[in-house]
Amino acid sequence: MKNRCKIGVATLLAGCALLFGPSRAFADDINTTFPVTFDTSSLVGQSGLELAFVLVDGSGSGDNNTTISLTGFSFGTGSGPSSASLQDSQFFNLVTDPFVPGNALSFTVGILSTNLDQPTPDFFEFAILNASGLPIPTSDPSGLDSLILADLTSPLSSQISAVSTVPEPTSLVLFGTGLLILGFGKLRR
């Protein structure tokens, strides 16, 4: 009976040490980098494009606990920024840079986050904006047309989408003509 009591007390103390000990402060930290590459050949020839990087602070207060570094940009035959950086100094943090598309866009995303915001984590998003300031179509299943969506949780959960083929204006005219023909057909009936 005494041994069971000692084991129970030892287990309780070990559990408290793990839960409240110094290692707990670092359990939620993220310090990682990952390379990304996108095929942007369908965007060649378009003008007025911008790269848009967004960091949303989960706490809503701008607590400066997350830094996103974007380095090693390569644009194929295009051009754009050499680096960019975001810090969650306010609720919504946005950086945009002009971009001339080439056949590919690649860069490295570095994330350093300490004391992650709970229960709502910080959030990182990357998109390419058209000349009207709207995101170009992507394969993003969330419907936001983002190329990268990342909840800054531990472990990091992210989704990387592909740039969709942008329809040519002639394709849109053909599609519109087909809709008009269908519409007139319904009116005649």
Protein backbone atom coordinates (compact mmCIF):
# COMPACT_ATOMS: atom_id res chain seq x y z
CA MET A 1 0.00 0.00 0.00
CA LYS A 2 2.86 2.39 0.85
CA ASN A 3 4.52 1.69 -2.51
CA ARG A 4 1.29 2.47 -4.37
CA CYS A 5 0.97 5.75 -2.51
CA LYS A 6 4.59 6.65 -3.29
CA ILE A 7 4.09 5.78 -6.98
CA GLY A 8 0.89 7.87 -7.09
CA VAL A 9 2.60 10.89 -5.47
CA ALA A 10 5.64 10.53 -7.77
CA THR A 11 3.37 10.34 -10.83
CA LEU A 12 1.42 13.41 -9.68
CA LEU A 13 4.64 15.38 -9.09
CA ALA A 14 6.07 14.33 -12.47
CA GLY A 15 2.83 15.31 -14.20
CA CYS A 16 2.86 18.73 -12.47
CA ALA A 17 6.50 19.24 -13.45
CA LEU A 18 5.72 18.44 -17.09
CA LEU A 19 2.61 20.59 -17.12
CA PHE A 20 3.91 23.62 -15.26
CA GLY A 21 7.68 23.23 -15.58
CA PRO A 22 10.04 25.38 -17.68
CA SER A 23 9.79 23.14 -20.74
CA ARG A 24 6.11 24.09 -21.10
CA ALA A 25 7.04 27.64 -22.15
CA PHE A 26 8.76 26.30 -25.29
CA ALA A 27 6.23 23.61 -26.25
CA ASP A 28 4.35 25.95 -28.56
CA ASP A 29 7.29 27.59 -30.35
CA ILE A 30 7.74 27.30 -34.12
CA ASN A 31 11.08 27.86 -35.79
CA THR A 32 10.97 26.44 -39.30
CA THR A 33 11.64 27.21 -42.95
CA PHE A 34 10.18 25.65 -46.06
CA PRO A 35 10.77 26.28 -49.78
CA VAL A 36 7.85 26.89 -52.15
CA THR A 37 7.70 26.95 -55.94
CA PHE A 38 4.76 27.89 -58.15
CA ASP A 39 4.33 27.54 -61.90
CA THR A 40 3.46 31.09 -63.01
CA SER A 41 3.82 30.52 -66.76
CA SER A 42 0.05 31.11 -67.22
CA LEU A 43 0.57 34.65 -65.88
CA VAL A 44 3.34 35.69 -68.30
CA GLY A 45 2.36 38.83 -70.18
CA GLN A 46 -0.06 40.11 -67.52
CA SER A 47 0.80 43.48 -66.02
CA GLY A 48 -0.03 45.15 -62.73
CA LEU A 49 0.39 41.99 -60.65
CA GLU A 50 1.46 42.12 -57.00
CA LEU A 51 2.63 39.57 -54.46
CA ALA A 52 0.54 39.87 -51.28
CA PHE A 53 1.69 38.49 -47.94
CA VAL A 54 -0.68 38.62 -44.95
CA LEU A 55 -0.06 37.83 -41.28
CA VAL A 56 -3.11 37.95 -38.99
CA ASP A 57 -2.51 38.07 -35.25
CA GLY A 58 -4.61 35.45 -33.48
CA SER A 59 -4.80 37.39 -30.24
CA GLY A 60 -6.14 40.42 -32.11
CA SER A 61 -3.85 42.78 -30.25
CA GLY A 62 -0.56 42.72 -32.16
CA ASP A 63 1.65 40.97 -29.64
CA ASN A 64 4.88 40.76 -31.72
CA ASN A 65 5.32 37.02 -31.12
CA THR A 66 5.55 35.96 -34.79
CA THR A 67 7.94 36.93 -37.58
CA ILE A 68 7.64 35.70 -41.18
CA SER A 69 10.77 36.06 -43.35
CA LEU A 70 10.53 35.60 -47.10
CA THR A 71 13.91 35.18 -48.81
CA GLY A 72 15.63 33.69 -51.84
CA PHE A 73 13.10 34.91 -54.39
CA SER A 74 13.50 33.56 -57.93
CA PHE A 75 11.18 34.60 -60.76
CA GLY A 76 12.40 32.63 -63.76
CA THR A 77 12.37 35.28 -66.50
CA GLY A 78 10.31 37.72 -64.37
CA SER A 79 11.17 40.11 -61.56
CA GLY A 80 10.03 41.13 -58.09
CA PRO A 81 11.27 41.72 -54.54
CA SER A 82 14.49 40.25 -53.15
CA SER A 83 13.00 39.72 -49.68
CA ALA A 84 10.06 40.62 -47.45
CA SER A 85 9.28 40.40 -43.76
CA LEU A 86 6.14 40.53 -41.60
CA GLN A 87 5.69 40.80 -37.84
CA ASP A 88 2.37 40.60 -35.99
CA SER A 89 2.68 44.13 -34.60
CA GLN A 90 -1.05 44.74 -35.18
CA PHE A 91 -4.09 42.57 -35.91
CA PHE A 92 -3.77 42.65 -39.74
CA ASN A 93 -0.29 42.90 -41.30
CA LEU A 94 -0.01 43.20 -45.10
CA VAL A 95 3.01 43.54 -47.40
CA THR A 96 2.57 43.85 -51.17
CA ASP A 97 5.30 44.01 -53.82
CA PRO A 98 5.04 44.56 -57.59
CA PHE A 99 5.67 41.40 -59.56
CA VAL A 100 6.44 40.64 -63.23
CA PRO A 101 5.71 36.94 -63.75
CA GLY A 102 8.15 34.56 -65.35
CA ASN A 103 7.76 30.83 -65.85
CA ALA A 104 8.12 30.10 -62.09
CA LEU A 105 8.11 31.81 -58.71
CA SER A 106 10.03 30.35 -55.80
CA PHE A 107 11.10 31.56 -52.39
CA THR A 108 11.72 30.35 -48.84
CA VAL A 109 9.27 30.99 -46.02
CA GLY A 110 10.81 31.30 -42.56
CA ILE A 111 8.52 31.25 -39.54
CA LEU A 112 9.63 32.15 -36.01
CA SER A 113 6.79 32.17 -33.50
CA THR A 114 7.02 32.08 -29.72
CA ASN A 115 4.23 31.67 -27.21
CA LEU A 116 1.61 30.88 -29.86
CA ASP A 117 -1.73 32.63 -29.53
CA GLN A 118 -4.38 30.30 -28.12
CA PRO A 119 -7.11 29.38 -28.79
CA THR A 120 -6.92 31.32 -32.08
CA PRO A 121 -3.49 30.94 -33.72
CA ASP A 122 -1.73 33.47 -35.92
CA PHE A 123 -2.41 32.94 -39.62
CA PHE A 124 -0.17 33.43 -42.70
CA GLU A 125 -1.46 33.79 -46.26
CA PHE A 126 0.18 34.40 -49.65
CA ALA A 127 -1.63 35.33 -52.87
CA ILE A 128 -0.91 36.99 -56.21
CA LEU A 129 -3.14 39.99 -56.88
CA ASN A 130 -4.27 41.05 -60.35
CA ALA A 131 -4.29 44.65 -61.62
CA SER A 132 -7.66 45.20 -59.89
CA GLY A 133 -6.22 44.14 -56.53
CA LEU A 134 -8.11 40.82 -56.45
CA PRO A 135 -6.43 37.41 -55.97
CA ILE A 136 -5.85 35.45 -59.16
CA PRO A 137 -7.72 32.10 -59.30
CA THR A 138 -5.98 29.16 -57.63
CA SER A 139 -6.77 25.59 -56.66
CA ASP A 140 -7.31 26.72 -53.04
CA PRO A 141 -10.16 24.56 -51.67
CA SER A 142 -11.09 27.25 -49.10
CA GLY A 143 -12.18 29.56 -51.93
CA LEU A 144 -9.85 32.39 -50.84
CA ASP A 145 -7.62 31.95 -53.92
CA SER A 146 -4.54 31.81 -51.71
CA LEU A 147 -1.35 30.09 -52.74
CA ILE A 148 -0.28 29.46 -49.14
CA LEU A 149 -2.55 29.20 -46.10
CA ALA A 150 -0.91 28.39 -42.78
CA ASP A 151 -2.31 28.26 -39.27
CA LEU A 152 0.67 28.89 -37.04
CA THR A 153 0.02 26.08 -34.64
CA SER A 154 2.39 23.50 -33.28
CA PRO A 155 2.83 21.37 -35.34
CA LEU A 156 2.53 23.76 -38.27
CA SER A 157 -0.45 23.06 -40.52
CA SER A 158 -0.25 24.58 -43.97
CA GLN A 159 -1.78 24.19 -47.37
CA ILE A 160 -0.03 25.08 -50.60
CA SER A 161 -2.19 25.53 -53.73
CA ALA A 162 -1.40 25.84 -57.41
CA VAL A 163 -1.93 28.80 -59.71
CA SER A 164 -4.93 28.01 -61.92
CA THR A 165 -4.80 28.61 -65.63
CA VAL A 166 -6.28 32.02 -66.27
CA PRO A 167 -8.78 31.83 -69.17
CA GLU A 168 -7.87 33.76 -72.29
CA PRO A 169 -10.24 36.62 -73.23
CA THR A 170 -11.29 34.72 -76.39
CA SER A 171 -12.36 31.76 -74.23
CA LEU A 172 -14.51 34.08 -72.15
CA VAL A 173 -16.11 35.57 -75.29
CA LEU A 174 -16.90 32.09 -76.58
CA PHE A 175 -18.38 31.11 -73.22
CA GLY A 176 -20.48 34.31 -73.10
CA THR A 177 -21.73 33.74 -76.66
CA GLY A 178 -22.78 30.22 -75.74
CA LEU A 179 -24.71 31.52 -72.74
CA LEU A 180 -26.48 34.10 -74.91
CA ILE A 181 -27.49 31.44 -77.44
CA LEU A 182 -28.87 29.26 -74.63
CA GLY A 183 -30.74 32.25 -73.20
CA PHE A 184 -32.33 33.14 -76.56
CA GLY A 185 -33.27 29.48 -77.04
CA LYS A 186 -35.15 29.47 -73.73
CA LEU A 187 -36.93 32.73 -74.60
CA ARG A 188 -38.21 31.31 -77.91
CA ARG A 189 -39.83 28.36 -76.11
